[in-house]
Amino acid sequence: MCAVSQSRPLYVETRAANKLSNSCRARLAVRLIIHHMETPREIPPEQSLIEYPCRFPIKVMGANVPGYVEAMLHVARCFEPGFDEGHVERRPSKAGNYLGLTLSIHVTSREQLDEIYRTLTTHPMVKIVL
């Protein structure tokens, strides 16, 4: 039984952590990572290295299957209605099983960029988003 409850804070004292089984430590580590990913640090606009609006390259990797490119174009057009296929670079994997795409999407804010990443990472055809 794991000693880490859902209602407790996401930290465990070192002494208590040493008593946890390896599987409990792994679950705790995953919860800490998820918590960190769900609560992004807010970057003040003056400290951001990205100046909005801009065309931002987003790398997407998925299985090289029919409909994959069209699905990614659809997602891009949800955020930039006039998105042109000319703003897409394609790179198949060595064996041809996967296809890497670089979508250069015109973004107007950090919030929009974050939403694009969220949409792509939850898409069922997408394996990795960078």
Protein backbone atom coordinates (compact mmCIF):
# COMPACT_ATOMS: atom_id res chain seq x y z
CA MET A 1 0.00 0.00 0.00
CA CYS A 2 1.32 3.40 -0.94
CA ALA A 3 1.62 5.94 1.87
CA VAL A 4 1.05 8.96 -0.39
CA SER A 5 -2.56 10.13 -0.44
CA GLN A 6 -4.23 12.28 -3.08
CA SER A 7 -5.25 14.91 -0.50
CA ARG A 8 -1.78 15.46 0.96
CA PRO A 9 0.70 17.99 -0.42
CA LEU A 10 2.95 16.78 -3.24
CA TYR A 11 6.03 16.54 -1.05
CA VAL A 12 7.20 13.87 1.33
CA GLU A 13 9.85 14.29 3.99
CA THR A 14 13.10 12.50 3.18
CA ARG A 15 12.76 10.13 6.14
CA ALA A 16 9.24 9.15 5.10
CA ALA A 17 10.24 8.85 1.44
CA ASN A 18 12.96 6.33 2.36
CA LYS A 19 10.27 4.05 3.82
CA LEU A 20 8.23 4.00 0.59
CA SER A 21 8.42 1.05 -1.75
CA ASN A 22 9.93 1.58 -5.20
CA SER A 23 6.49 1.55 -6.83
CA CYS A 24 5.24 4.21 -4.39
CA ARG A 25 8.31 6.34 -5.09
CA ALA A 26 7.65 5.99 -8.81
CA ARG A 27 3.98 7.04 -8.38
CA LEU A 28 5.08 9.99 -6.25
CA ALA A 29 7.63 11.04 -8.88
CA VAL A 30 4.97 10.84 -11.60
CA ARG A 31 2.56 12.94 -9.52
CA LEU A 32 5.27 15.55 -8.94
CA ILE A 33 6.06 15.69 -12.66
CA ILE A 34 2.38 15.97 -13.61
CA HIS A 35 1.83 18.67 -10.99
CA HIS A 36 4.81 20.60 -12.35
CA MET A 37 3.52 20.26 -15.93
CA GLU A 38 -0.01 21.37 -14.99
CA THR A 39 1.12 24.48 -13.13
CA PRO A 40 3.43 26.32 -15.52
CA ARG A 41 5.48 29.17 -14.19
CA GLU A 42 4.17 32.50 -15.40
CA ILE A 43 6.79 34.42 -17.38
CA PRO A 44 6.34 38.20 -17.39
CA PRO A 45 6.05 39.58 -20.95
CA GLU A 46 9.23 41.65 -20.53
CA GLN A 47 11.21 38.47 -19.74
CA SER A 48 9.81 36.40 -22.60
CA LEU A 49 12.22 35.60 -25.42
CA ILE A 50 9.32 35.41 -27.87
CA GLU A 51 7.89 38.59 -29.33
CA TYR A 52 4.24 38.28 -30.31
CA PRO A 53 2.80 38.17 -32.89
CA CYS A 54 5.20 35.85 -34.72
CA ARG A 55 5.38 32.72 -36.85
CA PHE A 56 6.38 29.96 -34.41
CA PRO A 57 7.72 26.55 -35.54
CA ILE A 58 6.16 23.58 -33.74
CA LYS A 59 7.57 20.11 -34.35
CA VAL A 60 5.05 17.26 -34.35
CA MET A 61 5.81 13.54 -34.71
CA GLY A 62 3.25 10.87 -35.53
CA ALA A 63 2.79 7.61 -37.37
CA ASN A 64 3.11 7.96 -41.14
CA VAL A 65 -0.50 6.98 -41.87
CA PRO A 66 -3.13 8.33 -44.27
CA GLY A 67 -4.87 11.36 -42.82
CA TYR A 68 -2.09 12.37 -40.41
CA VAL A 69 -0.93 15.43 -42.37
CA GLU A 70 -4.53 16.51 -43.04
CA ALA A 71 -5.36 16.20 -39.32
CA MET A 72 -2.38 18.37 -38.36
CA LEU A 73 -3.34 20.93 -41.02
CA HIS A 74 -6.84 21.00 -39.54
CA VAL A 75 -5.43 21.72 -36.06
CA ALA A 76 -3.19 24.48 -37.47
CA ARG A 77 -6.17 26.03 -39.29
CA CYS A 78 -8.17 26.08 -36.05
CA PHE A 79 -5.64 28.60 -34.74
CA GLU A 80 -4.70 30.31 -38.02
CA PRO A 81 -7.64 30.10 -40.46
CA GLY A 82 -5.49 31.03 -43.47
CA PHE A 83 -2.78 28.47 -42.65
CA ASP A 84 -1.08 27.36 -45.87
CA GLU A 85 0.47 23.95 -46.47
CA GLY A 86 3.59 25.82 -47.59
CA HIS A 87 4.30 26.45 -43.88
CA VAL A 88 4.78 22.71 -43.27
CA GLU A 89 8.10 20.85 -43.46
CA ARG A 90 7.91 17.04 -43.70
CA ARG A 91 10.61 14.61 -42.56
CA PRO A 92 9.89 10.89 -42.70
CA SER A 93 11.78 8.57 -40.36
CA LYS A 94 14.53 6.35 -41.76
CA ALA A 95 12.21 3.33 -42.00
CA GLY A 96 9.26 5.48 -43.08
CA ASN A 97 7.06 4.44 -40.15
CA TYR A 98 6.87 7.95 -38.67
CA LEU A 99 6.52 11.41 -40.10
CA GLY A 100 7.91 14.54 -38.49
CA LEU A 101 6.20 17.81 -39.32
CA THR A 102 7.26 21.35 -38.54
CA LEU A 103 4.18 23.56 -38.49
CA SER A 104 5.06 27.27 -38.61
CA ILE A 105 1.93 28.80 -37.10
CA HIS A 106 1.27 32.51 -36.69
CA VAL A 107 0.68 33.05 -32.94
CA THR A 108 -0.46 36.22 -31.23
CA SER A 109 0.08 35.42 -27.53
CA ARG A 110 1.60 33.02 -25.02
CA GLU A 111 -1.90 31.79 -24.15
CA GLN A 112 -2.58 30.90 -27.78
CA LEU A 113 0.77 29.10 -28.10
CA ASP A 114 0.04 27.11 -24.92
CA GLU A 115 -3.39 26.15 -26.28
CA ILE A 116 -1.85 24.97 -29.57
CA TYR A 117 0.57 22.75 -27.63
CA ARG A 118 -2.27 21.39 -25.46
CA THR A 119 -4.38 20.64 -28.53
CA LEU A 120 -1.55 18.86 -30.34
CA THR A 121 -0.36 16.84 -27.34
CA THR A 122 -3.87 15.49 -26.73
CA HIS A 123 -4.49 14.60 -30.39
CA PRO A 124 -4.69 10.80 -30.81
CA MET A 125 -2.47 10.76 -33.93
CA VAL A 126 0.37 12.69 -32.28
CA LYS A 127 3.25 10.91 -30.51
CA ILE A 128 5.52 13.86 -29.64
CA VAL A 129 5.27 17.68 -29.77
CA LEU A 130 8.35 19.90 -29.45
